[in-house]
Amino acid sequence: IFVAKALLDYATMEAGCDPNTTDVDGPCESRVHGFLPSSLLTNMVLVSGLLGAALMPVVGSVVDHTKHRRLVGRASWVGL
């Protein structure tokens, strides 16, 4: 929760808006790299979901059809 708030504040500052202002004026309409600061977390979830969906079958077939089962397991453990 705290990391998400910090990321949104940082993106808002990068867009040139003040993250501490009230929402009386509405959300920040400036864009950073073509995206609104408020959609940063949504974009992160979208990209991670698509990458996970694309890579799971590939990693699953490597685990099922090659002798690299332990290597993939250890790499997953180290990655976590």
C-alpha atoms as a PDB file:
ATOM      1  CA  ILE A   1       0.000   0.000   0.000  1.00  0.00           C
ATOM      2  CA  PHE A   2       2.778   2.425   0.933  1.00  0.00           C
ATOM      3  CA  VAL A   3       4.826   1.580  -2.152  1.00  0.00           C
ATOM      4  CA  ALA A   4       1.819   2.143  -4.410  1.00  0.00           C
ATOM      5  CA  LYS A   5       1.193   5.567  -2.869  1.00  0.00           C
ATOM      6  CA  ALA A   6       4.867   6.491  -3.230  1.00  0.00           C
ATOM      7  CA  LEU A   7       4.906   5.403  -6.900  1.00  0.00           C
ATOM      8  CA  LEU A   8       1.790   7.439  -7.656  1.00  0.00           C
ATOM      9  CA  ASP A   9       3.227  10.492  -5.869  1.00  0.00           C
ATOM     10  CA  TYR A  10       6.503  10.168  -7.772  1.00  0.00           C
ATOM     11  CA  ALA A  11       4.692   9.865 -11.115  1.00  0.00           C
ATOM     12  CA  THR A  12       2.570  12.902 -10.252  1.00  0.00           C
ATOM     13  CA  MET A  13       5.688  14.924  -9.408  1.00  0.00           C
ATOM     14  CA  GLU A  14       7.332  13.837 -12.670  1.00  0.00           C
ATOM     15  CA  ALA A  15       4.273  15.116 -14.523  1.00  0.00           C
ATOM     16  CA  GLY A  16       4.752  18.516 -12.923  1.00  0.00           C
ATOM     17  CA  CYS A  17       1.797  18.376 -10.542  1.00  0.00           C
ATOM     18  CA  ASP A  18       1.727  18.617  -6.761  1.00  0.00           C
ATOM     19  CA  PRO A  19       0.746  15.282  -5.169  1.00  0.00           C
ATOM     20  CA  ASN A  20      -0.224  16.961  -1.886  1.00  0.00           C
ATOM     21  CA  THR A  21      -2.982  19.163  -3.307  1.00  0.00           C
ATOM     22  CA  THR A  22      -6.562  18.264  -2.731  1.00  0.00           C
ATOM     23  CA  ASP A  23      -8.673  16.886  -5.546  1.00  0.00           C
ATOM     24  CA  VAL A  24     -10.666  20.107  -5.809  1.00  0.00           C
ATOM     25  CA  ASP A  25      -9.051  20.899  -9.162  1.00  0.00           C
ATOM     26  CA  GLY A  26      -9.382  17.296 -10.323  1.00  0.00           C
ATOM     27  CA  PRO A  27      -6.683  14.780 -11.121  1.00  0.00           C
ATOM     28  CA  CYS A  28      -3.413  15.712 -12.807  1.00  0.00           C
ATOM     29  CA  GLU A  29      -3.951  15.955 -16.565  1.00  0.00           C
ATOM     30  CA  SER A  30      -0.240  16.123 -17.503  1.00  0.00           C
ATOM     31  CA  ARG A  31       1.284  13.014 -19.045  1.00  0.00           C
ATOM     32  CA  VAL A  32       4.527  11.171 -18.387  1.00  0.00           C
ATOM     33  CA  HIS A  33       5.754   9.097 -21.341  1.00  0.00           C
ATOM     34  CA  GLY A  34       2.247   9.277 -22.801  1.00  0.00           C
ATOM     35  CA  PHE A  35       0.421   8.022 -19.702  1.00  0.00           C
ATOM     36  CA  LEU A  36      -1.465   9.783 -16.948  1.00  0.00           C
ATOM     37  CA  PRO A  37       0.224   9.440 -13.539  1.00  0.00           C
ATOM     38  CA  SER A  38      -2.951   7.947 -12.084  1.00  0.00           C
ATOM     39  CA  SER A  39      -2.782   4.996 -14.499  1.00  0.00           C
ATOM     40  CA  LEU A  40       0.740   3.905 -13.497  1.00  0.00           C
ATOM     41  CA  LEU A  41      -0.358   1.021 -11.272  1.00  0.00           C
ATOM     42  CA  THR A  42      -2.961  -0.119 -13.785  1.00  0.00           C
ATOM     43  CA  ASN A  43      -0.320  -0.261 -16.514  1.00  0.00           C
ATOM     44  CA  MET A  44       2.080  -2.168 -14.244  1.00  0.00           C
ATOM     45  CA  VAL A  45      -0.573  -4.780 -13.456  1.00  0.00           C
ATOM     46  CA  LEU A  46      -1.490  -5.081 -17.135  1.00  0.00           C
ATOM     47  CA  VAL A  47       2.103  -5.643 -18.267  1.00  0.00           C
ATOM     48  CA  SER A  48       2.869  -8.145 -15.513  1.00  0.00           C
ATOM     49  CA  GLY A  49      -0.316 -10.091 -16.252  1.00  0.00           C
ATOM     50  CA  LEU A  50       0.384 -10.261 -19.973  1.00  0.00           C
ATOM     51  CA  LEU A  51       4.000 -11.292 -19.426  1.00  0.00           C
ATOM     52  CA  GLY A  52       2.941 -13.948 -16.948  1.00  0.00           C
ATOM     53  CA  ALA A  53       0.311 -15.320 -19.311  1.00  0.00           C
ATOM     54  CA  ALA A  54       2.789 -15.395 -22.198  1.00  0.00           C
ATOM     55  CA  LEU A  55       5.681 -16.950 -20.290  1.00  0.00           C
ATOM     56  CA  MET A  56       3.869 -19.587 -18.224  1.00  0.00           C
ATOM     57  CA  PRO A  57       3.310 -22.036 -21.106  1.00  0.00           C
ATOM     58  CA  VAL A  58       6.934 -21.678 -22.237  1.00  0.00           C
ATOM     59  CA  VAL A  59       8.360 -22.261 -18.772  1.00  0.00           C
ATOM     60  CA  GLY A  60       5.888 -25.093 -18.200  1.00  0.00           C
ATOM     61  CA  SER A  61       6.956 -26.889 -21.348  1.00  0.00           C
ATOM     62  CA  VAL A  62      10.631 -26.478 -20.420  1.00  0.00           C
ATOM     63  CA  VAL A  63       9.917 -28.021 -17.027  1.00  0.00           C
ATOM     64  CA  ASP A  64       7.823 -30.846 -18.483  1.00  0.00           C
ATOM     65  CA  HIS A  65       9.880 -31.829 -21.523  1.00  0.00           C
ATOM     66  CA  THR A  66      13.519 -31.219 -20.627  1.00  0.00           C
ATOM     67  CA  LYS A  67      15.922 -32.271 -17.919  1.00  0.00           C
ATOM     68  CA  HIS A  68      16.162 -28.696 -16.601  1.00  0.00           C
ATOM     69  CA  ARG A  69      13.417 -29.164 -14.016  1.00  0.00           C
ATOM     70  CA  ARG A  70      15.671 -28.579 -11.004  1.00  0.00           C
ATOM     71  CA  LEU A  71      17.395 -25.602 -12.654  1.00  0.00           C
ATOM     72  CA  VAL A  72      14.064 -23.885 -13.304  1.00  0.00           C
ATOM     73  CA  GLY A  73      12.945 -24.652  -9.746  1.00  0.00           C
ATOM     74  CA  ARG A  74      16.125 -23.191  -8.272  1.00  0.00           C
ATOM     75  CA  ALA A  75      15.937 -20.125 -10.522  1.00  0.00           C
ATOM     76  CA  SER A  76      12.328 -19.564  -9.410  1.00  0.00           C
ATOM     77  CA  TRP A  77      13.342 -19.907  -5.788  1.00  0.00           C
ATOM     78  CA  VAL A  78      16.184 -17.403  -6.186  1.00  0.00           C
ATOM     79  CA  GLY A  79      13.884 -15.032  -8.065  1.00  0.00           C
ATOM     80  CA  LEU A  80      11.368 -15.005  -5.239  1.00  0.00           C
END
